[in-house]
Amino acid sequence: MIRALALLVALWAAAPAGAACRQALALGLDVSGSVDAREYRLQLDGLAAALTDPEVRATLLAMPAAPVALAVYEWSGPDHQALILDWTPIDGPVALRRVADRLRGWQRAAAPETTALGQALLFGGALLARAPGCWARTLDISGDGRNNTGPRPRATRGAAVLAGVTVNALVIGADTGNPQDRRQAEIGALVSYFRAEVLRGPGAFLETALGFEAYPRAMKRKLLRELEALAVGRAATPFKSAAGEPISGVSR
């Protein structure tokens, strides 16, 4: 953690004066029929808790002159993607607190029971296409099941809105009261599915949560890993434009 913060501070000092954003991070939350009311709240409140965790908070706020920009949406069927939080730069404690308050206060709307994972990726890509200019663009998809309607996730790989986007995932195992449950086996199969169908881009990875109760801890791990990976990658290699030229600055 200390090493990651030191890298971020070094990057801040070396960044051009025009740099406005170090990472555009869009988070897509699964609210399909397999997610009940309790699990829905665990997901929204868990994201708020992860963002305000002291370690994550310190990393997010380490570079106020080049903050992370966040956007959050929920998804289920092919025609249901609801924007919870539009692009917001996390440039100080007040901004972070407002994001957490919005997540905790958000109320669920009626949504289809189907799971359109491919369409969720396309929505996230379109959201990132209008993000602030940033060093990197990352899409996070949380999900507890496979795509069962709309385009197959793998079929979206050539979509223009996802070009240059790193897609990470948080795979959630099913909650159950049965002590002899098969969650470990089931989440293993789901992890394999997400690796084959969803992950893409340099350094793409996934985290797992064995049920929604474990979601906040898994989200914290994922956020720290994403932010630290960006710091290491930025220190080692300059980001390049779509034309392959080094990026010397970004604009709002």
Protein backbone atom coordinates (compact mmCIF):
# COMPACT_ATOMS: atom_id res chain seq x y z
CA MET A 1 0.00 0.00 0.00
CA ILE A 2 2.78 2.46 0.96
CA ARG A 3 4.66 1.58 -2.23
CA ALA A 4 1.56 2.19 -4.35
CA LEU A 5 0.96 5.60 -2.75
CA ALA A 6 4.61 6.52 -3.29
CA LEU A 7 4.28 5.61 -6.97
CA LEU A 8 1.14 7.70 -7.31
CA VAL A 9 2.80 10.71 -5.71
CA ALA A 10 5.81 10.30 -8.03
CA LEU A 11 3.51 10.13 -11.04
CA TRP A 12 1.70 13.25 -9.90
CA ALA A 13 4.97 15.15 -9.64
CA ALA A 14 6.05 13.98 -13.10
CA ALA A 15 2.68 14.45 -14.83
CA PRO A 16 2.26 17.31 -17.30
CA ALA A 17 0.46 20.41 -16.07
CA GLY A 18 -2.47 19.66 -18.36
CA ALA A 19 -3.17 16.21 -16.93
CA ALA A 20 -6.76 16.14 -15.67
CA CYS A 21 -7.61 12.52 -14.85
CA ARG A 22 -5.54 9.42 -14.22
CA GLN A 23 -8.28 6.82 -14.64
CA ALA A 24 -11.88 6.68 -15.86
CA LEU A 25 -13.49 3.82 -13.93
CA ALA A 26 -17.03 2.65 -14.78
CA LEU A 27 -18.67 0.10 -12.49
CA GLY A 28 -21.58 -2.01 -13.73
CA LEU A 29 -23.72 -3.74 -11.09
CA ASP A 30 -25.85 -6.82 -11.81
CA VAL A 31 -29.48 -6.30 -10.73
CA SER A 32 -31.05 -9.13 -12.73
CA GLY A 33 -33.69 -11.52 -11.39
CA SER A 34 -31.15 -13.62 -9.51
CA VAL A 35 -30.41 -10.63 -7.23
CA ASP A 36 -33.02 -10.23 -4.47
CA ALA A 37 -33.73 -7.07 -2.44
CA ARG A 38 -31.25 -7.95 0.31
CA GLU A 39 -28.48 -8.75 -2.19
CA TYR A 40 -29.22 -5.53 -4.05
CA ARG A 41 -28.60 -3.47 -0.92
CA LEU A 42 -25.49 -5.48 -0.06
CA GLN A 43 -24.14 -4.62 -3.50
CA LEU A 44 -24.85 -0.85 -3.39
CA ASP A 45 -23.89 -0.41 0.25
CA GLY A 46 -20.89 -2.69 -0.24
CA LEU A 47 -19.56 -0.53 -3.06
CA ALA A 48 -19.99 2.57 -0.88
CA ALA A 49 -18.13 0.84 1.96
CA ALA A 50 -15.28 -0.24 -0.34
CA LEU A 51 -14.86 3.25 -1.80
CA THR A 52 -14.67 4.82 1.66
CA ASP A 53 -12.42 2.16 3.18
CA PRO A 54 -9.32 3.95 4.55
CA GLU A 55 -6.89 2.18 2.19
CA VAL A 56 -9.01 2.77 -0.91
CA ARG A 57 -9.77 6.32 0.16
CA ALA A 58 -6.07 7.13 0.57
CA THR A 59 -5.27 5.75 -2.88
CA LEU A 60 -8.16 7.54 -4.56
CA LEU A 61 -7.20 10.87 -3.00
CA ALA A 62 -3.43 10.53 -3.47
CA MET A 63 -3.40 12.70 -6.64
CA PRO A 64 -6.04 15.46 -6.37
CA ALA A 65 -4.64 17.25 -9.45
CA ALA A 66 -5.21 14.10 -11.54
CA PRO A 67 -8.12 12.29 -9.85
CA VAL A 68 -9.93 9.11 -10.71
CA ALA A 69 -13.27 9.73 -12.41
CA LEU A 70 -16.07 7.36 -11.37
CA ALA A 71 -19.35 6.35 -12.99
CA VAL A 72 -21.74 3.66 -11.72
CA TYR A 73 -24.65 1.93 -13.48
CA GLU A 74 -26.86 -1.08 -12.93
CA TRP A 75 -27.87 -3.60 -15.57
CA SER A 76 -30.13 -6.58 -16.17
CA GLY A 77 -32.05 -7.18 -19.44
CA PRO A 78 -31.04 -5.94 -22.91
CA ASP A 79 -32.98 -2.70 -22.52
CA HIS A 80 -32.34 -2.06 -18.84
CA GLN A 81 -29.22 -0.16 -17.88
CA ALA A 82 -29.75 2.63 -15.34
CA LEU A 83 -27.10 5.26 -14.64
CA ILE A 84 -26.68 5.67 -10.88
CA LEU A 85 -23.71 8.04 -10.93
CA ASP A 86 -22.54 10.00 -13.96
CA TRP A 87 -18.87 10.86 -14.36
CA THR A 88 -17.59 12.37 -11.12
CA PRO A 89 -13.95 13.28 -10.39
CA ILE A 90 -12.93 12.07 -6.93
CA ASP A 91 -10.81 15.14 -6.24
CA GLY A 92 -11.33 15.36 -2.49
CA PRO A 93 -13.08 13.93 0.59
CA VAL A 94 -16.30 15.82 -0.12
CA ALA A 95 -16.64 14.31 -3.60
CA LEU A 96 -16.00 10.82 -2.25
CA ARG A 97 -18.53 11.25 0.56
CA ARG A 98 -21.18 12.46 -1.90
CA VAL A 99 -20.63 9.41 -4.10
CA ALA A 100 -21.00 7.07 -1.10
CA ASP A 101 -24.15 8.88 0.05
CA ARG A 102 -25.67 8.58 -3.42
CA LEU A 103 -25.01 4.84 -3.53
CA ARG A 104 -26.46 4.28 -0.06
CA GLY A 105 -29.54 6.34 -0.88
CA TRP A 106 -30.23 4.79 -4.30
CA GLN A 107 -33.51 2.84 -4.54
CA ARG A 108 -34.09 -0.13 -6.79
CA ALA A 109 -36.40 0.24 -9.77
CA ALA A 110 -38.28 -2.57 -11.51
CA ALA A 111 -35.99 -4.47 -13.86
CA PRO A 112 -36.23 -7.53 -16.12
CA GLU A 113 -35.13 -10.86 -14.67
CA THR A 114 -32.90 -11.68 -17.62
CA THR A 115 -29.10 -11.33 -17.66
CA ALA A 116 -27.80 -9.37 -20.66
CA LEU A 117 -24.08 -9.35 -19.88
CA GLY A 118 -23.02 -8.54 -23.43
CA GLN A 119 -25.31 -5.52 -23.58
CA ALA A 120 -24.01 -4.41 -20.17
CA LEU A 121 -20.49 -4.38 -21.64
CA LEU A 122 -21.62 -2.27 -24.59
CA PHE A 123 -23.39 0.20 -22.29
CA GLY A 124 -20.26 0.50 -20.16
CA GLY A 125 -18.16 1.05 -23.27
CA ALA A 126 -20.47 3.83 -24.47
CA LEU A 127 -20.29 5.39 -21.02
CA LEU A 128 -16.47 5.34 -21.14
CA ALA A 129 -16.51 6.81 -24.64
CA ARG A 130 -17.82 10.06 -23.16
CA ALA A 131 -15.64 9.96 -20.04
CA PRO A 132 -13.19 12.78 -19.23
CA GLY A 133 -9.80 12.52 -20.89
CA CYS A 134 -7.82 10.13 -18.69
CA TRP A 135 -4.60 8.12 -18.72
CA ALA A 136 -6.59 4.87 -18.74
CA ARG A 137 -10.17 3.63 -19.13
CA THR A 138 -11.42 0.69 -17.10
CA LEU A 139 -14.79 -1.08 -17.04
CA ASP A 140 -15.76 -3.23 -14.07
CA ILE A 141 -18.60 -5.71 -14.34
CA SER A 142 -20.05 -7.39 -11.24
CA GLY A 143 -22.18 -10.44 -11.94
CA ASP A 144 -23.56 -13.64 -10.43
CA GLY A 145 -24.60 -15.46 -13.58
CA ARG A 146 -24.08 -16.11 -17.26
CA ASN A 147 -25.49 -14.15 -20.16
CA ASN A 148 -28.89 -15.52 -21.20
CA THR A 149 -30.17 -12.87 -23.61
CA GLY A 150 -28.82 -10.33 -26.06
CA PRO A 151 -25.34 -10.44 -27.60
CA ARG A 152 -22.86 -12.93 -26.23
CA PRO A 153 -20.15 -11.10 -24.22
CA ARG A 154 -17.38 -12.50 -26.43
CA ALA A 155 -19.18 -11.09 -29.50
CA THR A 156 -18.65 -7.52 -28.23
CA ARG A 157 -14.85 -7.73 -28.43
CA GLY A 158 -14.73 -5.87 -31.74
CA ALA A 159 -17.11 -3.10 -30.66
CA ALA A 160 -15.67 0.37 -31.26
CA VAL A 161 -16.87 1.66 -27.87
CA LEU A 162 -14.73 -0.96 -26.12
CA ALA A 163 -11.53 -0.27 -28.06
CA GLY A 164 -8.72 0.51 -25.63
CA VAL A 165 -10.85 -0.36 -22.60
CA THR A 166 -9.63 -2.80 -19.95
CA VAL A 167 -12.50 -4.94 -18.66
CA ASN A 168 -12.22 -6.43 -15.17
CA ALA A 169 -14.85 -8.41 -13.29
CA LEU A 170 -16.14 -9.29 -9.84
CA VAL A 171 -17.78 -12.71 -9.88
CA ILE A 172 -20.32 -13.30 -7.10
CA GLY A 173 -21.27 -16.77 -5.89
CA ALA A 174 -24.84 -17.53 -4.90
CA ASP A 175 -25.90 -16.98 -1.29
CA THR A 176 -27.44 -20.05 0.32
CA GLY A 177 -28.30 -21.23 3.81
CA ASN A 178 -27.34 -24.82 3.04
CA PRO A 179 -24.06 -25.68 4.82
CA GLN A 180 -23.45 -28.44 2.25
CA ASP A 181 -23.87 -26.07 -0.69
CA ARG A 182 -21.96 -26.26 -3.96
CA ARG A 183 -20.93 -22.60 -4.10
CA GLN A 184 -17.22 -23.34 -4.50
CA ALA A 185 -17.85 -25.56 -7.53
CA GLU A 186 -20.40 -23.18 -9.00
CA ILE A 187 -18.24 -20.09 -8.61
CA GLY A 188 -15.34 -21.98 -10.20
CA ALA A 189 -17.43 -22.58 -13.31
CA LEU A 190 -18.58 -18.95 -13.34
CA VAL A 191 -14.99 -17.71 -13.01
CA SER A 192 -14.00 -19.78 -16.05
CA TYR A 193 -16.94 -18.32 -17.98
CA PHE A 194 -16.02 -14.72 -17.11
CA ARG A 195 -12.37 -15.32 -17.99
CA ALA A 196 -13.32 -16.66 -21.41
CA GLU A 197 -16.13 -14.24 -22.22
CA VAL A 198 -15.68 -10.97 -20.32
CA LEU A 199 -12.08 -10.10 -19.40
CA ARG A 200 -10.07 -8.15 -21.94
CA GLY A 201 -7.21 -5.69 -22.18
CA PRO A 202 -3.69 -5.59 -20.72
CA GLY A 203 -3.59 -6.81 -17.12
CA ALA A 204 -7.32 -7.61 -16.99
CA PHE A 205 -8.27 -9.65 -13.91
CA LEU A 206 -11.20 -10.75 -11.79
CA GLU A 207 -11.99 -11.02 -8.11
CA THR A 208 -14.47 -13.39 -6.50
CA ALA A 209 -16.98 -13.00 -3.69
CA LEU A 210 -18.46 -16.17 -2.19
CA GLY A 211 -21.90 -14.64 -1.81
CA PHE A 212 -23.05 -11.04 -1.52
CA GLU A 213 -21.98 -10.85 2.13
CA ALA A 214 -18.39 -11.03 0.86
CA TYR A 215 -18.96 -8.39 -1.84
CA PRO A 216 -17.55 -5.36 0.08
CA ARG A 217 -14.26 -7.13 0.83
CA ALA A 218 -13.92 -8.37 -2.74
CA MET A 219 -14.68 -4.92 -4.12
CA LYS A 220 -12.04 -3.39 -1.85
CA ARG A 221 -9.43 -5.87 -3.10
CA LYS A 222 -10.36 -5.16 -6.69
CA LEU A 223 -10.24 -1.37 -6.35
CA LEU A 224 -6.84 -1.47 -4.67
CA ARG A 225 -5.46 -3.80 -7.31
CA GLU A 226 -6.76 -1.65 -10.15
CA LEU A 227 -5.35 1.56 -8.73
CA GLU A 228 -2.00 -0.01 -7.87
CA ALA A 229 -1.73 -1.69 -11.28
CA LEU A 230 -2.31 1.67 -12.94
CA ALA A 231 0.45 3.23 -10.86
CA VAL A 232 2.95 0.49 -11.72
CA GLY A 233 1.99 0.49 -15.40
CA ARG A 234 2.16 4.26 -15.62
CA ALA A 235 5.59 4.29 -14.02
CA ALA A 236 6.92 1.65 -16.41
CA THR A 237 5.36 2.63 -19.72
CA PRO A 238 3.83 5.87 -20.98
CA PHE A 239 0.24 5.59 -22.20
CA LYS A 240 -0.26 6.03 -25.92
CA SER A 241 -3.02 7.44 -28.07
CA ALA A 242 -5.06 5.39 -30.51
CA ALA A 243 -2.54 6.46 -33.15
CA GLY A 244 0.27 4.96 -31.08
CA GLU A 245 1.77 8.26 -30.00
CA PRO A 246 2.83 8.93 -26.37
CA ILE A 247 0.25 10.95 -24.45
CA SER A 248 1.83 14.05 -22.97
CA GLY A 249 -1.37 15.41 -21.44
CA VAL A 250 -5.14 15.07 -21.30
CA SER A 251 -7.95 17.55 -21.50
CA ARG A 252 -11.29 17.87 -19.79
